[in-house]
Amino acid sequence: MDKQAIRDRIDQIRSKREVLLKLLEQPDLGTLRIDVNQALEEMDDLLEEFDRVFPREAA
């Protein structure tokens, strides 16, 4: 897998973050809210680590 393919997949994951945020807005989420929050935290941590390890190259 080349570098651009990996970046494309990471960008797809980033776009899914919005879905989790919209899910949190649901008033009837109940205890699932804990899992959604955890997923967001872990996603943010992994994306941050990816950006740190593989910084975008300046054009």
PDB file of N, CA and C in Angstrom:
ATOM      1  N   MET A   1       0.853  -1.174   0.000  1.00  0.00           N
ATOM      2  CA  MET A   1       0.000   0.000   0.000  1.00  0.00           C
ATOM      3  C   MET A   1       0.898   1.235   0.000  1.00  0.00           C
ATOM      4  N   ASP A   2       0.641   2.141  -0.916  1.00  0.00           N
ATOM      5  CA  ASP A   2       1.492   3.327  -0.998  1.00  0.00           C
ATOM      6  C   ASP A   2       1.012   4.410  -0.030  1.00  0.00           C
ATOM      7  N   LYS A   3       1.859   5.409   0.119  1.00  0.00           N
ATOM      8  CA  LYS A   3       1.606   6.477   1.092  1.00  0.00           C
ATOM      9  C   LYS A   3       0.287   7.207   0.822  1.00  0.00           C
ATOM     10  N   GLN A   4      -0.020   7.481  -0.439  1.00  0.00           N
ATOM     11  CA  GLN A   4      -1.245   8.206  -0.767  1.00  0.00           C
ATOM     12  C   GLN A   4      -2.484   7.373  -0.448  1.00  0.00           C
ATOM     13  N   ALA A   5      -2.421   6.082  -0.669  1.00  0.00           N
ATOM     14  CA  ALA A   5      -3.554   5.207  -0.354  1.00  0.00           C
ATOM     15  C   ALA A   5      -3.832   5.206   1.150  1.00  0.00           C
ATOM     16  N   ILE A   6      -2.779   5.206   1.942  1.00  0.00           N
ATOM     17  CA  ILE A   6      -2.946   5.258   3.397  1.00  0.00           C
ATOM     18  C   ILE A   6      -3.566   6.588   3.802  1.00  0.00           C
ATOM     19  N   ARG A   7      -3.070   7.677   3.233  1.00  0.00           N
ATOM     20  CA  ARG A   7      -3.635   9.002   3.544  1.00  0.00           C
ATOM     21  C   ARG A   7      -5.110   9.080   3.152  1.00  0.00           C
ATOM     22  N   ASP A   8      -5.458   8.490   2.017  1.00  0.00           N
ATOM     23  CA  ASP A   8      -6.856   8.494   1.579  1.00  0.00           C
ATOM     24  C   ASP A   8      -7.749   7.755   2.573  1.00  0.00           C
ATOM     25  N   ARG A   9      -7.260   6.636   3.070  1.00  0.00           N
ATOM     26  CA  ARG A   9      -8.044   5.879   4.057  1.00  0.00           C
ATOM     27  C   ARG A   9      -8.187   6.646   5.361  1.00  0.00           C
ATOM     28  N   ILE A  10      -7.131   7.303   5.781  1.00  0.00           N
ATOM     29  CA  ILE A  10      -7.189   8.108   7.009  1.00  0.00           C
ATOM     30  C   ILE A  10      -8.166   9.260   6.817  1.00  0.00           C
ATOM     31  N   ASP A  11      -8.183   9.869   5.651  1.00  0.00           N
ATOM     32  CA  ASP A  11      -9.139  10.940   5.369  1.00  0.00           C
ATOM     33  C   ASP A  11     -10.576  10.421   5.422  1.00  0.00           C
ATOM     34  N   GLN A  12     -10.804   9.200   4.973  1.00  0.00           N
ATOM     35  CA  GLN A  12     -12.131   8.590   5.074  1.00  0.00           C
ATOM     36  C   GLN A  12     -12.531   8.423   6.541  1.00  0.00           C
ATOM     37  N   ILE A  13     -11.586   7.995   7.354  1.00  0.00           N
ATOM     38  CA  ILE A  13     -11.858   7.837   8.787  1.00  0.00           C
ATOM     39  C   ILE A  13     -12.182   9.184   9.412  1.00  0.00           C
ATOM     40  N   ARG A  14     -11.416  10.211   9.045  1.00  0.00           N
ATOM     41  CA  ARG A  14     -11.687  11.556   9.567  1.00  0.00           C
ATOM     42  C   ARG A  14     -13.108  12.001   9.232  1.00  0.00           C
ATOM     43  N   SER A  15     -13.561  11.683   8.034  1.00  0.00           N
ATOM     44  CA  SER A  15     -14.906  12.105   7.627  1.00  0.00           C
ATOM     45  C   SER A  15     -15.988  11.389   8.428  1.00  0.00           C
ATOM     46  N   LYS A  16     -15.709  10.210   8.936  1.00  0.00           N
ATOM     47  CA  LYS A  16     -16.684   9.454   9.737  1.00  0.00           C
ATOM     48  C   LYS A  16     -16.850  10.048  11.133  1.00  0.00           C
ATOM     49  N   ARG A  17     -15.921  10.859  11.553  1.00  0.00           N
ATOM     50  CA  ARG A  17     -15.984  11.466  12.886  1.00  0.00           C
ATOM     51  C   ARG A  17     -17.259  12.296  13.038  1.00  0.00           C
ATOM     52  N   GLU A  18     -17.652  12.958  11.975  1.00  0.00           N
ATOM     53  CA  GLU A  18     -18.851  13.787  11.998  1.00  0.00           C
ATOM     54  C   GLU A  18     -20.098  12.962  12.324  1.00  0.00           C
ATOM     55  N   VAL A  19     -20.135  11.729  11.856  1.00  0.00           N
ATOM     56  CA  VAL A  19     -21.264  10.844  12.139  1.00  0.00           C
ATOM     57  C   VAL A  19     -21.371  10.592  13.644  1.00  0.00           C
ATOM     58  N   LEU A  20     -20.248  10.372  14.290  1.00  0.00           N
ATOM     59  CA  LEU A  20     -20.262  10.158  15.736  1.00  0.00           C
ATOM     60  C   LEU A  20     -20.718  11.406  16.480  1.00  0.00           C
ATOM     61  N   LEU A  21     -20.290  12.559  16.006  1.00  0.00           N
ATOM     62  CA  LEU A  21     -20.717  13.808  16.650  1.00  0.00           C
ATOM     63  C   LEU A  21     -22.227  14.007  16.517  1.00  0.00           C
ATOM     64  N   LYS A  22     -22.778  13.694  15.360  1.00  0.00           N
ATOM     65  CA  LYS A  22     -24.224  13.814  15.173  1.00  0.00           C
ATOM     66  C   LYS A  22     -24.970  12.811  16.040  1.00  0.00           C
ATOM     67  N   LEU A  23     -24.391  11.646  16.205  1.00  0.00           N
ATOM     68  CA  LEU A  23     -25.006  10.631  17.059  1.00  0.00           C
ATOM     69  C   LEU A  23     -25.103  11.117  18.502  1.00  0.00           C
ATOM     70  N   LEU A  24     -24.089  11.827  18.949  1.00  0.00           N
ATOM     71  CA  LEU A  24     -24.096  12.363  20.317  1.00  0.00           C
ATOM     72  C   LEU A  24     -25.231  13.362  20.538  1.00  0.00           C
ATOM     73  N   GLU A  25     -25.710  13.982  19.491  1.00  0.00           N
ATOM     74  CA  GLU A  25     -26.782  14.960  19.605  1.00  0.00           C
ATOM     75  C   GLU A  25     -28.142  14.307  19.842  1.00  0.00           C
ATOM     76  N   GLN A  26     -28.225  12.997  19.651  1.00  0.00           N
ATOM     77  CA  GLN A  26     -29.495  12.293  19.828  1.00  0.00           C
ATOM     78  C   GLN A  26     -29.866  12.247  21.305  1.00  0.00           C
ATOM     79  N   PRO A  27     -31.057  12.719  21.660  1.00  0.00           N
ATOM     80  CA  PRO A  27     -31.445  12.773  23.069  1.00  0.00           C
ATOM     81  C   PRO A  27     -31.726  11.393  23.681  1.00  0.00           C
ATOM     82  N   ASP A  28     -32.053  10.411  22.847  1.00  0.00           N
ATOM     83  CA  ASP A  28     -32.411   9.084  23.362  1.00  0.00           C
ATOM     84  C   ASP A  28     -31.263   8.079  23.285  1.00  0.00           C
ATOM     85  N   LEU A  29     -30.054   8.549  23.361  1.00  0.00           N
ATOM     86  CA  LEU A  29     -28.882   7.698  23.197  1.00  0.00           C
ATOM     87  C   LEU A  29     -28.640   6.807  24.415  1.00  0.00           C
ATOM     88  N   GLY A  30     -29.024   7.276  25.583  1.00  0.00           N
ATOM     89  CA  GLY A  30     -28.867   6.479  26.801  1.00  0.00           C
ATOM     90  C   GLY A  30     -27.418   6.180  27.124  1.00  0.00           C
ATOM     91  N   THR A  31     -27.190   4.944  27.579  1.00  0.00           N
ATOM     92  CA  THR A  31     -25.831   4.562  27.991  1.00  0.00           C
ATOM     93  C   THR A  31     -24.891   4.383  26.809  1.00  0.00           C
ATOM     94  N   LEU A  32     -25.438   4.325  25.600  1.00  0.00           N
ATOM     95  CA  LEU A  32     -24.593   4.234  24.407  1.00  0.00           C
ATOM     96  C   LEU A  32     -23.734   5.481  24.250  1.00  0.00           C
ATOM     97  N   ARG A  33     -24.156   6.571  24.858  1.00  0.00           N
ATOM     98  CA  ARG A  33     -23.402   7.830  24.830  1.00  0.00           C
ATOM     99  C   ARG A  33     -21.964   7.624  25.324  1.00  0.00           C
ATOM    100  N   ILE A  34     -21.801   6.787  26.318  1.00  0.00           N
ATOM    101  CA  ILE A  34     -20.464   6.499  26.866  1.00  0.00           C
ATOM    102  C   ILE A  34     -19.580   5.872  25.788  1.00  0.00           C
ATOM    103  N   ASP A  35     -20.139   4.912  25.051  1.00  0.00           N
ATOM    104  CA  ASP A  35     -19.372   4.233  24.002  1.00  0.00           C
ATOM    105  C   ASP A  35     -19.033   5.177  22.852  1.00  0.00           C
ATOM    106  N   VAL A  36     -19.970   6.034  22.504  1.00  0.00           N
ATOM    107  CA  VAL A  36     -19.726   6.989  21.417  1.00  0.00           C
ATOM    108  C   VAL A  36     -18.634   7.974  21.832  1.00  0.00           C
ATOM    109  N   ASN A  37     -18.704   8.458  23.068  1.00  0.00           N
ATOM    110  CA  ASN A  37     -17.655   9.352  23.564  1.00  0.00           C
ATOM    111  C   ASN A  37     -16.293   8.664  23.543  1.00  0.00           C
ATOM    112  N   GLN A  38     -16.261   7.409  23.977  1.00  0.00           N
ATOM    113  CA  GLN A  38     -15.009   6.653  23.979  1.00  0.00           C
ATOM    114  C   GLN A  38     -14.470   6.489  22.561  1.00  0.00           C
ATOM    115  N   ALA A  39     -15.357   6.194  21.622  1.00  0.00           N
ATOM    116  CA  ALA A  39     -14.940   6.041  20.220  1.00  0.00           C
ATOM    117  C   ALA A  39     -14.351   7.339  19.687  1.00  0.00           C
ATOM    118  N   LEU A  40     -14.991   8.454  20.010  1.00  0.00           N
ATOM    119  CA  LEU A  40     -14.473   9.757  19.574  1.00  0.00           C
ATOM    120  C   LEU A  40     -13.099  10.043  20.157  1.00  0.00           C
ATOM    121  N   GLU A  41     -12.937   9.772  21.444  1.00  0.00           N
ATOM    122  CA  GLU A  41     -11.645  10.010  22.089  1.00  0.00           C
ATOM    123  C   GLU A  41     -10.553   9.162  21.460  1.00  0.00           C
ATOM    124  N   GLU A  42     -10.847   7.887  21.230  1.00  0.00           N
ATOM    125  CA  GLU A  42      -9.847   6.998  20.645  1.00  0.00           C
ATOM    126  C   GLU A  42      -9.537   7.390  19.202  1.00  0.00           C
ATOM    127  N   MET A  43     -10.564   7.764  18.449  1.00  0.00           N
ATOM    128  CA  MET A  43     -10.352   8.198  17.074  1.00  0.00           C
ATOM    129  C   MET A  43      -9.471   9.440  17.045  1.00  0.00           C
ATOM    130  N   ASP A  44      -9.769  10.400  17.904  1.00  0.00           N
ATOM    131  CA  ASP A  44      -8.972  11.625  17.961  1.00  0.00           C
ATOM    132  C   ASP A  44      -7.520  11.324  18.325  1.00  0.00           C
ATOM    133  N   ASP A  45      -7.317  10.433  19.281  1.00  0.00           N
ATOM    134  CA  ASP A  45      -5.962  10.062  19.681  1.00  0.00           C
ATOM    135  C   ASP A  45      -5.204   9.415  18.522  1.00  0.00           C
ATOM    136  N   LEU A  46      -5.858   8.499  17.823  1.00  0.00           N
ATOM    137  CA  LEU A  46      -5.195   7.808  16.719  1.00  0.00           C
ATOM    138  C   LEU A  46      -4.895   8.752  15.551  1.00  0.00           C
ATOM    139  N   LEU A  47      -5.835   9.647  15.250  1.00  0.00           N
ATOM    140  CA  LEU A  47      -5.602  10.603  14.161  1.00  0.00           C
ATOM    141  C   LEU A  47      -4.481  11.571  14.520  1.00  0.00           C
ATOM    142  N   GLU A  48      -4.450  11.980  15.769  1.00  0.00           N
ATOM    143  CA  GLU A  48      -3.379  12.872  16.230  1.00  0.00           C
ATOM    144  C   GLU A  48      -2.025  12.182  16.136  1.00  0.00           C
ATOM    145  N   GLU A  49      -1.987  10.922  16.540  1.00  0.00           N
ATOM    146  CA  GLU A  49      -0.739  10.167  16.473  1.00  0.00           C
ATOM    147  C   GLU A  49      -0.306   9.963  15.016  1.00  0.00           C
ATOM    148  N   PHE A  50      -1.252   9.670  14.145  1.00  0.00           N
ATOM    149  CA  PHE A  50      -0.935   9.509  12.727  1.00  0.00           C
ATOM    150  C   PHE A  50      -0.314  10.789  12.172  1.00  0.00           C
ATOM    151  N   ASP A  51      -0.938  11.936  12.496  1.00  0.00           N
ATOM    152  CA  ASP A  51      -0.426  13.219  12.008  1.00  0.00           C
ATOM    153  C   ASP A  51       0.963  13.520  12.563  1.00  0.00           C
ATOM    154  N   ARG A  52       1.233  13.074  13.768  1.00  0.00           N
ATOM    155  CA  ARG A  52       2.535  13.300  14.376  1.00  0.00           C
ATOM    156  C   ARG A  52       3.602  12.425  13.714  1.00  0.00           C
ATOM    157  N   VAL A  53       3.234  11.170  13.436  1.00  0.00           N
ATOM    158  CA  VAL A  53       4.192  10.228  12.854  1.00  0.00           C
ATOM    159  C   VAL A  53       4.384  10.470  11.357  1.00  0.00           C
ATOM    160  N   PHE A  54       3.285  10.826  10.673  1.00  0.00           N
ATOM    161  CA  PHE A  54       3.331  11.053   9.234  1.00  0.00           C
ATOM    162  C   PHE A  54       2.829  12.459   8.918  1.00  0.00           C
ATOM    163  N   PRO A  55       3.650  13.464   9.220  1.00  0.00           N
ATOM    164  CA  PRO A  55       3.203  14.847   8.964  1.00  0.00           C
ATOM    165  C   PRO A  55       3.014  15.095   7.467  1.00  0.00           C
ATOM    166  N   ARG A  56       2.086  15.977   7.175  1.00  0.00           N
ATOM    167  CA  ARG A  56       1.849  16.376   5.760  1.00  0.00           C
ATOM    168  C   ARG A  56       3.095  17.126   5.283  1.00  0.00           C
ATOM    169  N   GLU A  57       3.487  16.809   4.073  1.00  0.00           N
ATOM    170  CA  GLU A  57       4.666  17.470   3.509  1.00  0.00           C
ATOM    171  C   GLU A  57       4.272  18.835   2.973  1.00  0.00           C
ATOM    172  N   ALA A  58       5.120  19.796   3.198  1.00  0.00           N
ATOM    173  CA  ALA A  58       4.869  21.150   2.694  1.00  0.00           C
ATOM    174  C   ALA A  58       5.006  21.148   1.175  1.00  0.00           C
ATOM    175  N   ALA A  59       4.104  21.838   0.530  1.00  0.00           N
ATOM    176  CA  ALA A  59       4.130  21.866  -0.950  1.00  0.00           C
ATOM    177  C   ALA A  59       5.082  22.937  -1.448  1.00  0.00           C
TER     178      ALA A  59
END
